[in-house]
Amino acid sequence: MPTKQGREELLTAAVERGPSEGARSGSKESSHALASPLLSVRAPRAGGRPGRPLSPSIGEYLPTSRLRTLCSSMEQTRPYQRSLYRLPVTYPTMYCVTATVGEGTITNLSAMGCTVEADQPLLANQRIALRLMLPDQLESLPIDEAHVRWVNGNLAGIEFIQVERVANLRLHAFIWDGMVQRFHAIQQKRATS
């Protein structure tokens, strides 16, 4: 039976070579050392029995310790990135919490939420309704239901939960137009400097 260091070297070599070459090594001892710490990745066949490997290019076996290490390092080094574009704006808004109506200013806007500087502090996890006063039309944009995700003084992060279809299309179009205008302004600034 190989030592712990010998097993790790065999595992590393097996991962680099793949299962077909590792199985051909011929030694009973080396195949035993490789089989015990490995996890078989097989797709079930009809009837519940294991079938072909899920990913033949990766191989039939993956070392569990190495897989855990890779997954944990990916989670630690992965930077936070927003999935939606946020448009920096300063537009008035009105919000309603139960029977109280308040006013505020939207400081940034995305298709799924916004940041509001409210006249009175909001509470985290509160449900509110909003009316966004966008400059594209005379009518305000209704957000039927929104959720206060975070609060920092009078600033609050709002997630839109329920938006009427027409209002949602208008919101997306407004953000798209703002994004295109900002892109052109950046290009012009770069061209002149």
N, C-alpha and C. Protein backbone atom coordinates (compact mmCIF):
# COMPACT_ATOMS: atom_id res chain seq x y z
N MET A 1 0.85 -1.19 0.00
CA MET A 1 0.00 0.00 0.00
C MET A 1 0.89 1.24 0.00
N PRO A 2 0.68 2.21 -0.91
CA PRO A 2 1.51 3.40 -0.97
C PRO A 2 1.27 4.31 0.24
N THR A 3 2.23 5.18 0.52
CA THR A 3 2.10 6.14 1.61
C THR A 3 1.11 7.22 1.20
N LYS A 4 0.79 8.10 2.16
CA LYS A 4 -0.16 9.18 1.88
C LYS A 4 0.37 10.08 0.76
N GLN A 5 1.65 10.41 0.82
CA GLN A 5 2.24 11.25 -0.23
C GLN A 5 2.22 10.53 -1.57
N GLY A 6 2.46 9.23 -1.56
CA GLY A 6 2.42 8.44 -2.79
C GLY A 6 1.03 8.42 -3.40
N ARG A 7 0.00 8.32 -2.53
CA ARG A 7 -1.38 8.33 -3.02
C ARG A 7 -1.72 9.67 -3.66
N GLU A 8 -1.28 10.77 -3.02
CA GLU A 8 -1.56 12.10 -3.58
C GLU A 8 -0.90 12.27 -4.95
N GLU A 9 0.32 11.75 -5.09
CA GLU A 9 1.00 11.82 -6.38
C GLU A 9 0.25 11.00 -7.43
N LEU A 10 -0.23 9.81 -7.02
CA LEU A 10 -1.00 8.97 -7.94
C LEU A 10 -2.30 9.67 -8.35
N LEU A 11 -2.96 10.32 -7.38
CA LEU A 11 -4.20 11.04 -7.69
C LEU A 11 -3.94 12.17 -8.68
N THR A 12 -2.91 12.94 -8.42
CA THR A 12 -2.58 14.05 -9.32
C THR A 12 -2.29 13.53 -10.72
N ALA A 13 -1.52 12.46 -10.80
CA ALA A 13 -1.18 11.88 -12.11
C ALA A 13 -2.43 11.35 -12.79
N ALA A 14 -3.33 10.72 -12.03
CA ALA A 14 -4.55 10.16 -12.61
C ALA A 14 -5.46 11.26 -13.13
N VAL A 15 -5.54 12.38 -12.41
CA VAL A 15 -6.38 13.48 -12.87
C VAL A 15 -5.81 14.07 -14.15
N GLU A 16 -4.48 14.21 -14.21
CA GLU A 16 -3.87 14.77 -15.42
C GLU A 16 -3.99 13.83 -16.61
N ARG A 17 -3.84 12.51 -16.38
CA ARG A 17 -3.90 11.54 -17.48
C ARG A 17 -5.33 11.18 -17.86
N GLY A 18 -6.23 11.17 -16.89
CA GLY A 18 -7.60 10.72 -17.15
C GLY A 18 -7.75 9.28 -16.73
N PRO A 19 -8.98 8.77 -16.64
CA PRO A 19 -9.24 7.44 -16.12
C PRO A 19 -8.76 6.31 -17.02
N SER A 20 -8.79 6.50 -18.33
CA SER A 20 -8.43 5.39 -19.20
C SER A 20 -6.95 5.06 -19.08
N GLU A 21 -6.07 6.06 -18.99
CA GLU A 21 -4.64 5.80 -18.84
C GLU A 21 -4.33 5.31 -17.44
N GLY A 22 -5.04 5.85 -16.44
CA GLY A 22 -4.79 5.43 -15.05
C GLY A 22 -5.17 3.98 -14.86
N ALA A 23 -6.17 3.51 -15.55
CA ALA A 23 -6.61 2.12 -15.41
C ALA A 23 -5.62 1.17 -16.06
N ARG A 24 -4.83 1.66 -17.05
CA ARG A 24 -3.88 0.81 -17.74
C ARG A 24 -2.54 0.69 -17.03
N SER A 25 -2.39 1.32 -15.86
CA SER A 25 -1.09 1.31 -15.21
C SER A 25 -0.65 -0.09 -14.83
N GLY A 26 -1.56 -1.04 -14.73
CA GLY A 26 -1.21 -2.44 -14.56
C GLY A 26 -1.07 -2.89 -13.13
N SER A 27 -0.68 -2.06 -12.24
CA SER A 27 -0.43 -2.47 -10.87
C SER A 27 -1.74 -2.55 -10.11
N LYS A 28 -1.94 -3.66 -9.40
CA LYS A 28 -3.14 -3.85 -8.60
C LYS A 28 -3.16 -2.82 -7.47
N GLU A 29 -1.96 -2.56 -6.92
CA GLU A 29 -1.84 -1.63 -5.81
C GLU A 29 -2.22 -0.21 -6.24
N SER A 30 -1.78 0.23 -7.42
CA SER A 30 -2.07 1.60 -7.85
C SER A 30 -3.56 1.77 -8.17
N SER A 31 -4.20 0.76 -8.74
CA SER A 31 -5.63 0.90 -9.02
C SER A 31 -6.43 0.90 -7.73
N HIS A 32 -5.98 0.17 -6.70
CA HIS A 32 -6.66 0.18 -5.40
C HIS A 32 -6.50 1.55 -4.75
N ALA A 33 -5.29 2.12 -4.84
CA ALA A 33 -5.03 3.42 -4.23
C ALA A 33 -5.86 4.50 -4.90
N LEU A 34 -6.10 4.38 -6.18
CA LEU A 34 -6.87 5.38 -6.89
C LEU A 34 -8.37 5.22 -6.66
N ALA A 35 -8.84 4.02 -6.51
CA ALA A 35 -10.28 3.79 -6.43
C ALA A 35 -10.87 4.26 -5.11
N SER A 36 -10.17 4.14 -4.00
CA SER A 36 -10.78 4.44 -2.72
C SER A 36 -11.13 5.91 -2.50
N PRO A 37 -10.25 6.89 -2.83
CA PRO A 37 -10.63 8.27 -2.54
C PRO A 37 -11.35 8.96 -3.68
N LEU A 38 -11.82 8.25 -4.67
CA LEU A 38 -12.42 8.88 -5.82
C LEU A 38 -13.93 8.72 -5.83
N LEU A 39 -14.57 9.66 -6.48
CA LEU A 39 -16.02 9.66 -6.60
C LEU A 39 -16.38 9.36 -8.04
N SER A 40 -17.23 8.38 -8.25
CA SER A 40 -17.66 8.05 -9.60
C SER A 40 -18.77 9.00 -10.01
N VAL A 41 -18.67 9.57 -11.18
CA VAL A 41 -19.68 10.49 -11.68
C VAL A 41 -20.35 9.82 -12.86
N ARG A 42 -21.52 9.24 -12.63
CA ARG A 42 -22.23 8.52 -13.69
C ARG A 42 -23.67 8.99 -13.75
N ALA A 43 -24.19 9.07 -14.95
CA ALA A 43 -25.59 9.42 -15.15
C ALA A 43 -26.43 8.15 -15.03
N PRO A 44 -27.60 8.22 -14.37
CA PRO A 44 -28.44 7.03 -14.26
C PRO A 44 -29.10 6.68 -15.59
N ARG A 45 -29.20 5.39 -15.86
CA ARG A 45 -29.93 4.89 -17.03
C ARG A 45 -31.39 4.77 -16.66
N ALA A 46 -32.21 4.49 -17.65
CA ALA A 46 -33.60 4.18 -17.36
C ALA A 46 -33.62 2.94 -16.48
N GLY A 47 -34.37 2.95 -15.44
CA GLY A 47 -34.40 1.83 -14.51
C GLY A 47 -33.56 2.11 -13.27
N GLY A 48 -32.86 3.26 -13.25
CA GLY A 48 -32.14 3.67 -12.06
C GLY A 48 -30.71 3.17 -11.95
N ARG A 49 -30.21 2.37 -12.90
CA ARG A 49 -28.84 1.87 -12.83
C ARG A 49 -27.89 2.89 -13.43
N PRO A 50 -26.65 2.94 -12.94
CA PRO A 50 -25.68 3.87 -13.51
C PRO A 50 -25.40 3.56 -14.97
N GLY A 51 -25.22 4.62 -15.74
CA GLY A 51 -24.94 4.46 -17.16
C GLY A 51 -23.58 5.01 -17.52
N ARG A 52 -23.51 5.77 -18.59
CA ARG A 52 -22.25 6.34 -19.06
C ARG A 52 -21.84 7.50 -18.16
N PRO A 53 -20.56 7.86 -18.16
CA PRO A 53 -20.11 9.02 -17.38
C PRO A 53 -20.81 10.28 -17.87
N LEU A 54 -21.04 11.24 -16.94
CA LEU A 54 -21.69 12.48 -17.31
C LEU A 54 -20.86 13.28 -18.31
N SER A 55 -19.57 13.32 -18.10
CA SER A 55 -18.72 14.09 -18.98
C SER A 55 -17.48 13.29 -19.34
N PRO A 56 -17.48 12.60 -20.46
CA PRO A 56 -16.33 11.79 -20.83
C PRO A 56 -15.05 12.60 -20.96
N SER A 57 -15.15 13.87 -21.31
CA SER A 57 -13.94 14.68 -21.45
C SER A 57 -13.28 14.93 -20.10
N ILE A 58 -14.08 15.04 -19.06
CA ILE A 58 -13.52 15.23 -17.72
C ILE A 58 -13.03 13.89 -17.19
N GLY A 59 -13.72 12.86 -17.51
CA GLY A 59 -13.32 11.54 -17.06
C GLY A 59 -14.39 10.91 -16.20
N GLU A 60 -14.20 9.64 -15.95
CA GLU A 60 -15.19 8.90 -15.20
C GLU A 60 -15.08 9.16 -13.71
N TYR A 61 -13.90 9.50 -13.24
CA TYR A 61 -13.69 9.69 -11.82
C TYR A 61 -13.11 11.07 -11.53
N LEU A 62 -13.56 11.65 -10.43
CA LEU A 62 -13.03 12.92 -9.96
C LEU A 62 -12.59 12.75 -8.51
N PRO A 63 -11.40 13.21 -8.13
CA PRO A 63 -11.00 13.10 -6.73
C PRO A 63 -11.83 14.08 -5.89
N THR A 64 -12.48 13.55 -4.86
CA THR A 64 -13.37 14.39 -4.05
C THR A 64 -12.62 15.50 -3.34
N SER A 65 -11.43 15.21 -2.82
CA SER A 65 -10.68 16.25 -2.09
C SER A 65 -10.30 17.39 -3.03
N ARG A 66 -9.88 17.06 -4.23
CA ARG A 66 -9.49 18.10 -5.19
C ARG A 66 -10.71 18.89 -5.66
N LEU A 67 -11.83 18.20 -5.84
CA LEU A 67 -13.06 18.85 -6.25
C LEU A 67 -13.52 19.85 -5.19
N ARG A 68 -13.47 19.43 -3.91
CA ARG A 68 -13.86 20.34 -2.82
C ARG A 68 -12.94 21.56 -2.78
N THR A 69 -11.65 21.34 -2.95
CA THR A 69 -10.68 22.44 -2.92
C THR A 69 -10.96 23.42 -4.05
N LEU A 70 -11.21 22.90 -5.25
CA LEU A 70 -11.50 23.77 -6.39
C LEU A 70 -12.76 24.58 -6.16
N CYS A 71 -13.81 23.93 -5.65
CA CYS A 71 -15.07 24.63 -5.43
C CYS A 71 -14.92 25.71 -4.37
N SER A 72 -14.23 25.41 -3.27
CA SER A 72 -14.09 26.41 -2.21
C SER A 72 -13.22 27.57 -2.67
N SER A 73 -12.18 27.31 -3.45
CA SER A 73 -11.34 28.41 -3.92
C SER A 73 -12.08 29.27 -4.94
N MET A 74 -12.97 28.68 -5.73
CA MET A 74 -13.76 29.45 -6.69
C MET A 74 -14.69 30.41 -5.95
N GLU A 75 -15.30 29.93 -4.86
CA GLU A 75 -16.22 30.77 -4.11
C GLU A 75 -15.48 31.93 -3.45
N GLN A 76 -14.25 31.69 -2.98
CA GLN A 76 -13.51 32.72 -2.27
C GLN A 76 -12.97 33.80 -3.21
N THR A 77 -12.55 33.44 -4.41
CA THR A 77 -11.91 34.40 -5.30
C THR A 77 -12.87 35.02 -6.31
N ARG A 78 -14.08 34.59 -6.34
CA ARG A 78 -15.03 35.09 -7.32
C ARG A 78 -15.50 36.49 -6.93
N PRO A 79 -15.23 37.52 -7.76
CA PRO A 79 -15.63 38.88 -7.39
C PRO A 79 -17.13 39.06 -7.55
N TYR A 80 -17.68 39.97 -6.74
CA TYR A 80 -19.10 40.28 -6.85
C TYR A 80 -19.32 41.12 -8.10
N GLN A 81 -20.29 40.73 -8.89
CA GLN A 81 -20.64 41.50 -10.07
C GLN A 81 -22.15 41.62 -10.15
N ARG A 82 -22.61 42.83 -10.41
CA ARG A 82 -24.05 43.02 -10.59
C ARG A 82 -24.45 42.44 -11.93
N SER A 83 -25.62 41.84 -11.95
CA SER A 83 -26.07 41.21 -13.19
C SER A 83 -26.81 42.19 -14.09
N LEU A 84 -27.25 43.32 -13.54
CA LEU A 84 -27.99 44.30 -14.34
C LEU A 84 -27.31 45.66 -14.30
N TYR A 85 -27.42 46.38 -15.39
CA TYR A 85 -26.86 47.72 -15.48
C TYR A 85 -27.63 48.66 -14.57
N ARG A 86 -26.91 49.49 -13.84
CA ARG A 86 -27.54 50.52 -13.01
C ARG A 86 -27.27 51.88 -13.62
N LEU A 87 -28.31 52.64 -13.77
CA LEU A 87 -28.24 53.95 -14.39
C LEU A 87 -28.20 55.01 -13.29
N PRO A 88 -27.12 55.81 -13.20
CA PRO A 88 -27.08 56.86 -12.18
C PRO A 88 -28.04 57.98 -12.57
N VAL A 89 -29.01 58.26 -11.71
CA VAL A 89 -30.05 59.25 -12.00
C VAL A 89 -30.35 60.06 -10.74
N THR A 90 -31.09 61.12 -10.91
CA THR A 90 -31.66 61.87 -9.78
C THR A 90 -33.05 62.32 -10.20
N TYR A 91 -34.03 61.45 -9.94
CA TYR A 91 -35.41 61.72 -10.29
C TYR A 91 -36.28 61.60 -9.04
N PRO A 92 -37.34 62.41 -8.97
CA PRO A 92 -38.22 62.31 -7.81
C PRO A 92 -39.06 61.04 -7.83
N THR A 93 -39.45 60.61 -6.65
CA THR A 93 -40.32 59.44 -6.51
C THR A 93 -41.27 59.65 -5.34
N MET A 94 -42.36 58.95 -5.38
CA MET A 94 -43.29 58.90 -4.25
C MET A 94 -43.42 57.44 -3.86
N TYR A 95 -43.51 57.19 -2.56
CA TYR A 95 -43.66 55.82 -2.08
C TYR A 95 -44.78 55.76 -1.06
N CYS A 96 -45.34 54.59 -0.93
CA CYS A 96 -46.45 54.37 -0.01
C CYS A 96 -46.13 53.16 0.85
N VAL A 97 -46.13 53.37 2.17
CA VAL A 97 -45.96 52.28 3.13
C VAL A 97 -47.25 52.24 3.93
N THR A 98 -47.99 51.15 3.83
CA THR A 98 -49.34 51.00 4.41
C THR A 98 -50.17 52.24 4.10
N ALA A 99 -50.41 53.14 5.07
CA ALA A 99 -51.25 54.31 4.81
C ALA A 99 -50.42 55.60 4.73
N THR A 100 -49.12 55.49 4.84
CA THR A 100 -48.24 56.66 4.83
C THR A 100 -47.65 56.88 3.44
N VAL A 101 -47.70 58.13 2.98
CA VAL A 101 -47.11 58.47 1.69
C VAL A 101 -45.89 59.35 1.95
N GLY A 102 -44.80 59.02 1.26
CA GLY A 102 -43.57 59.79 1.42
C GLY A 102 -42.98 60.15 0.07
N GLU A 103 -42.00 61.04 0.10
CA GLU A 103 -41.33 61.45 -1.12
C GLU A 103 -39.84 61.18 -0.98
N GLY A 104 -39.19 61.05 -2.13
CA GLY A 104 -37.76 60.82 -2.11
C GLY A 104 -37.16 61.07 -3.48
N THR A 105 -35.89 60.70 -3.61
CA THR A 105 -35.16 60.87 -4.86
C THR A 105 -34.51 59.54 -5.22
N ILE A 106 -34.69 59.13 -6.47
CA ILE A 106 -34.02 57.92 -6.96
C ILE A 106 -32.59 58.33 -7.30
N THR A 107 -31.60 57.62 -6.73
CA THR A 107 -30.21 57.96 -7.03
C THR A 107 -29.58 57.00 -8.03
N ASN A 108 -30.10 55.82 -8.20
CA ASN A 108 -29.72 54.94 -9.31
C ASN A 108 -30.87 54.01 -9.60
N LEU A 109 -30.90 53.50 -10.81
CA LEU A 109 -32.06 52.74 -11.27
C LEU A 109 -31.62 51.58 -12.15
N SER A 110 -32.21 50.41 -11.91
CA SER A 110 -32.00 49.25 -12.78
C SER A 110 -33.37 48.68 -13.12
N ALA A 111 -33.40 47.66 -13.94
CA ALA A 111 -34.66 47.05 -14.33
C ALA A 111 -35.31 46.30 -13.18
N MET A 112 -34.53 45.95 -12.16
CA MET A 112 -35.06 45.16 -11.04
C MET A 112 -35.10 45.91 -9.72
N GLY A 113 -34.65 47.17 -9.69
CA GLY A 113 -34.66 47.90 -8.43
C GLY A 113 -34.04 49.27 -8.56
N CYS A 114 -33.91 49.93 -7.40
CA CYS A 114 -33.33 51.27 -7.38
C CYS A 114 -32.84 51.58 -5.97
N THR A 115 -32.12 52.69 -5.86
CA THR A 115 -31.75 53.22 -4.56
C THR A 115 -32.55 54.50 -4.39
N VAL A 116 -33.19 54.63 -3.23
CA VAL A 116 -34.03 55.79 -2.96
C VAL A 116 -33.49 56.52 -1.74
N GLU A 117 -33.35 57.84 -1.87
CA GLU A 117 -33.06 58.68 -0.72
C GLU A 117 -34.41 59.22 -0.26
N ALA A 118 -34.92 58.68 0.83
CA ALA A 118 -36.28 58.97 1.29
C ALA A 118 -36.29 60.17 2.25
N ASP A 119 -37.44 60.86 2.32
CA ASP A 119 -37.56 61.97 3.26
C ASP A 119 -37.63 61.47 4.70
N GLN A 120 -38.15 60.27 4.90
CA GLN A 120 -38.18 59.62 6.21
C GLN A 120 -37.56 58.25 6.06
N PRO A 121 -36.76 57.80 7.05
CA PRO A 121 -36.09 56.50 6.92
C PRO A 121 -37.10 55.36 6.75
N LEU A 122 -36.79 54.46 5.83
CA LEU A 122 -37.60 53.25 5.64
C LEU A 122 -37.01 52.13 6.49
N LEU A 123 -37.74 51.07 6.66
CA LEU A 123 -37.28 49.92 7.42
C LEU A 123 -36.92 48.78 6.48
N ALA A 124 -35.86 48.05 6.81
CA ALA A 124 -35.47 46.89 6.00
C ALA A 124 -36.59 45.86 6.03
N ASN A 125 -36.76 45.15 4.94
CA ASN A 125 -37.78 44.10 4.75
C ASN A 125 -39.20 44.64 4.71
N GLN A 126 -39.36 45.92 4.51
CA GLN A 126 -40.68 46.53 4.41
C GLN A 126 -41.19 46.38 2.98
N ARG A 127 -42.50 46.22 2.84
CA ARG A 127 -43.14 46.19 1.51
C ARG A 127 -43.67 47.58 1.22
N ILE A 128 -43.38 48.08 0.03
CA ILE A 128 -43.83 49.42 -0.35
C ILE A 128 -44.33 49.41 -1.79
N ALA A 129 -45.02 50.48 -2.16
CA ALA A 129 -45.40 50.73 -3.55
C ALA A 129 -44.72 52.04 -3.95
N LEU A 130 -44.32 52.14 -5.21
CA LEU A 130 -43.59 53.32 -5.68
C LEU A 130 -44.24 53.93 -6.91
N ARG A 131 -43.98 55.21 -7.10
CA ARG A 131 -44.32 55.91 -8.34
C ARG A 131 -43.06 56.66 -8.75
N LEU A 132 -42.46 56.26 -9.87
CA LEU A 132 -41.23 56.88 -10.34
C LEU A 132 -41.58 57.99 -11.33
N MET A 133 -41.04 59.17 -11.10
CA MET A 133 -41.28 60.31 -11.99
C MET A 133 -40.13 60.39 -12.99
N LEU A 134 -40.26 59.68 -14.10
CA LEU A 134 -39.22 59.66 -15.11
C LEU A 134 -39.46 60.76 -16.13
N PRO A 135 -38.41 61.34 -16.70
CA PRO A 135 -38.59 62.47 -17.62
C PRO A 135 -39.06 62.08 -19.02
N ASP A 136 -39.22 60.78 -19.29
CA ASP A 136 -39.59 60.37 -20.65
C ASP A 136 -41.06 60.58 -20.98
N GLN A 137 -41.94 60.66 -19.96
CA GLN A 137 -43.37 60.87 -20.21
C GLN A 137 -43.96 61.70 -19.08
N LEU A 138 -45.18 62.17 -19.29
CA LEU A 138 -45.85 62.95 -18.25
C LEU A 138 -46.36 62.07 -17.12
N GLU A 139 -46.74 60.85 -17.45
CA GLU A 139 -47.31 59.94 -16.46
C GLU A 139 -46.21 59.25 -15.65
N SER A 140 -46.43 59.11 -14.34
CA SER A 140 -45.45 58.43 -13.50
C SER A 140 -45.45 56.92 -13.78
N LEU A 141 -44.34 56.27 -13.44
CA LEU A 141 -44.19 54.83 -13.67
C LEU A 141 -44.56 54.10 -12.38
N PRO A 142 -45.64 53.31 -12.38
CA PRO A 142 -46.06 52.64 -11.14
C PRO A 142 -45.31 51.32 -10.89
N ILE A 143 -44.84 51.16 -9.67
CA ILE A 143 -44.27 49.90 -9.19
C ILE A 143 -45.25 49.41 -8.13
N ASP A 144 -46.03 48.39 -8.47
CA ASP A 144 -47.11 47.94 -7.60
C ASP A 144 -46.62 47.40 -6.26
N GLU A 145 -45.54 46.65 -6.29
CA GLU A 145 -45.01 46.09 -5.04
C GLU A 145 -43.49 46.06 -5.12
N ALA A 146 -42.86 46.54 -4.04
CA ALA A 146 -41.40 46.54 -3.94
C ALA A 146 -41.01 46.14 -2.52
N HIS A 147 -39.76 45.72 -2.36
CA HIS A 147 -39.25 45.23 -1.08
C HIS A 147 -38.00 46.03 -0.73
N VAL A 148 -37.96 46.57 0.49
CA VAL A 148 -36.77 47.30 0.95
C VAL A 148 -35.74 46.26 1.37
N ARG A 149 -34.64 46.14 0.63
CA ARG A 149 -33.61 45.12 0.89
C ARG A 149 -32.58 45.58 1.91
N TRP A 150 -32.19 46.84 1.88
CA TRP A 150 -31.21 47.35 2.84
C TRP A 150 -31.50 48.82 3.12
N VAL A 151 -31.03 49.28 4.27
CA VAL A 151 -31.23 50.68 4.68
C VAL A 151 -29.92 51.20 5.26
N ASN A 152 -29.56 52.42 4.88
CA ASN A 152 -28.40 53.10 5.45
C ASN A 152 -28.79 54.56 5.63
N GLY A 153 -29.27 54.90 6.83
CA GLY A 153 -29.79 56.24 7.07
C GLY A 153 -31.06 56.44 6.27
N ASN A 154 -31.08 57.49 5.45
CA ASN A 154 -32.25 57.75 4.61
C ASN A 154 -32.15 57.08 3.24
N LEU A 155 -31.02 56.41 2.96
CA LEU A 155 -30.87 55.65 1.71
C LEU A 155 -31.45 54.25 1.88
N ALA A 156 -32.13 53.77 0.87
CA ALA A 156 -32.71 52.42 0.93
C ALA A 156 -32.56 51.75 -0.43
N GLY A 157 -32.18 50.48 -0.40
CA GLY A 157 -32.10 49.67 -1.61
C GLY A 157 -33.43 48.99 -1.83
N ILE A 158 -34.04 49.22 -2.96
CA ILE A 158 -35.39 48.73 -3.25
C ILE A 158 -35.33 47.69 -4.37
N GLU A 159 -35.99 46.56 -4.16
CA GLU A 159 -36.13 45.53 -5.20
C GLU A 159 -37.57 45.55 -5.69
N PHE A 160 -37.74 45.64 -7.00
CA PHE A 160 -39.08 45.63 -7.58
C PHE A 160 -39.60 44.19 -7.59
N ILE A 161 -40.76 43.97 -7.01
CA ILE A 161 -41.36 42.63 -6.94
C ILE A 161 -42.43 42.47 -8.01
N GLN A 162 -43.36 43.43 -8.07
CA GLN A 162 -44.47 43.31 -9.02
C GLN A 162 -44.60 44.62 -9.79
N VAL A 163 -44.41 44.51 -11.12
CA VAL A 163 -44.51 45.67 -12.01
C VAL A 163 -45.44 45.28 -13.15
N GLU A 164 -46.41 46.13 -13.41
CA GLU A 164 -47.34 45.89 -14.52
C GLU A 164 -46.55 45.77 -15.83
N ARG A 165 -47.03 44.95 -16.75
CA ARG A 165 -46.31 44.63 -17.98
C ARG A 165 -45.92 45.88 -18.78
N VAL A 166 -46.85 46.78 -19.00
CA VAL A 166 -46.58 47.99 -19.78
C VAL A 166 -45.55 48.86 -19.06
N ALA A 167 -45.68 48.98 -17.74
CA ALA A 167 -44.73 49.77 -16.96
C ALA A 167 -43.34 49.13 -17.01
N ASN A 168 -43.29 47.81 -16.98
CA ASN A 168 -42.02 47.09 -17.04
C ASN A 168 -41.32 47.32 -18.38
N LEU A 169 -42.08 47.28 -19.47
CA LEU A 169 -41.51 47.56 -20.79
C LEU A 169 -40.98 48.99 -20.87
N ARG A 170 -41.74 49.91 -20.32
CA ARG A 170 -41.32 51.32 -20.31
C ARG A 170 -40.04 51.49 -19.49
N LEU A 171 -39.97 50.82 -18.34
CA LEU A 171 -38.78 50.89 -17.48
C LEU A 171 -37.55 50.35 -18.21
N HIS A 172 -37.69 49.17 -18.83
CA HIS A 172 -36.57 48.58 -19.57
C HIS A 172 -36.12 49.50 -20.72
N ALA A 173 -37.07 50.07 -21.45
CA ALA A 173 -36.73 50.97 -22.57
C ALA A 173 -36.01 52.22 -22.06
N PHE A 174 -36.48 52.75 -20.94
CA PHE A 174 -35.85 53.95 -20.37
C PHE A 174 -34.40 53.67 -19.96
N ILE A 175 -34.18 52.53 -19.30
CA ILE A 175 -32.83 52.17 -18.86
C ILE A 175 -31.94 51.91 -20.08
N TRP A 176 -32.46 51.23 -21.08
CA TRP A 176 -31.68 50.96 -22.29
C TRP A 176 -31.26 52.28 -22.96
N ASP A 177 -32.21 53.21 -23.11
CA ASP A 177 -31.90 54.50 -23.73
C ASP A 177 -30.84 55.25 -22.91
N GLY A 178 -30.97 55.23 -21.60
CA GLY A 178 -30.00 55.89 -20.73
C GLY A 178 -28.62 55.26 -20.83
N MET A 179 -28.59 53.95 -20.95
CA MET A 179 -27.32 53.23 -21.07
C MET A 179 -26.64 53.59 -22.40
N VAL A 180 -27.41 53.64 -23.48
CA VAL A 180 -26.86 53.98 -24.80
C VAL A 180 -26.34 55.42 -24.79
N GLN A 181 -27.10 56.35 -24.20
CA GLN A 181 -26.66 57.75 -24.13
C GLN A 181 -25.36 57.88 -23.34
N ARG A 182 -25.28 57.15 -22.24
CA ARG A 182 -24.07 57.20 -21.41
C ARG A 182 -22.87 56.62 -22.17
N PHE A 183 -23.09 55.54 -22.90
CA PHE A 183 -22.03 54.93 -23.70
C PHE A 183 -21.50 55.91 -24.74
N HIS A 184 -22.42 56.60 -25.45
CA HIS A 184 -22.01 57.58 -26.46
C HIS A 184 -21.26 58.74 -25.83
N ALA A 185 -21.69 59.19 -24.66
CA ALA A 185 -21.00 60.29 -23.97
C ALA A 185 -19.58 59.88 -23.59
N ILE A 186 -19.40 58.65 -23.14
CA ILE A 186 -18.06 58.15 -22.78
C ILE A 186 -17.19 58.07 -24.03
N GLN A 187 -17.75 57.59 -25.14
CA GLN A 187 -16.99 57.51 -26.39
C GLN A 187 -16.56 58.89 -26.87
N GLN A 188 -17.46 59.87 -26.80
CA GLN A 188 -17.13 61.23 -27.23
C GLN A 188 -16.04 61.83 -26.34
N LYS A 189 -16.13 61.57 -25.05
CA LYS A 189 -15.13 62.08 -24.11
C LYS A 189 -13.76 61.49 -24.41
N ARG A 190 -13.71 60.20 -24.70
CA ARG A 190 -12.44 59.55 -25.05
C ARG A 190 -11.88 60.08 -26.37
N ALA A 191 -12.76 60.36 -27.32
CA ALA A 191 -12.32 60.83 -28.63
C ALA A 191 -11.73 62.24 -28.55
N THR A 192 -12.27 63.08 -27.67
CA THR A 192 -11.78 64.45 -27.55
C THR A 192 -10.54 64.56 -26.67
N SER A 193 -10.27 63.58 -25.85
CA SER A 193 -9.08 63.67 -24.98
C SER A 193 -7.90 62.90 -25.48
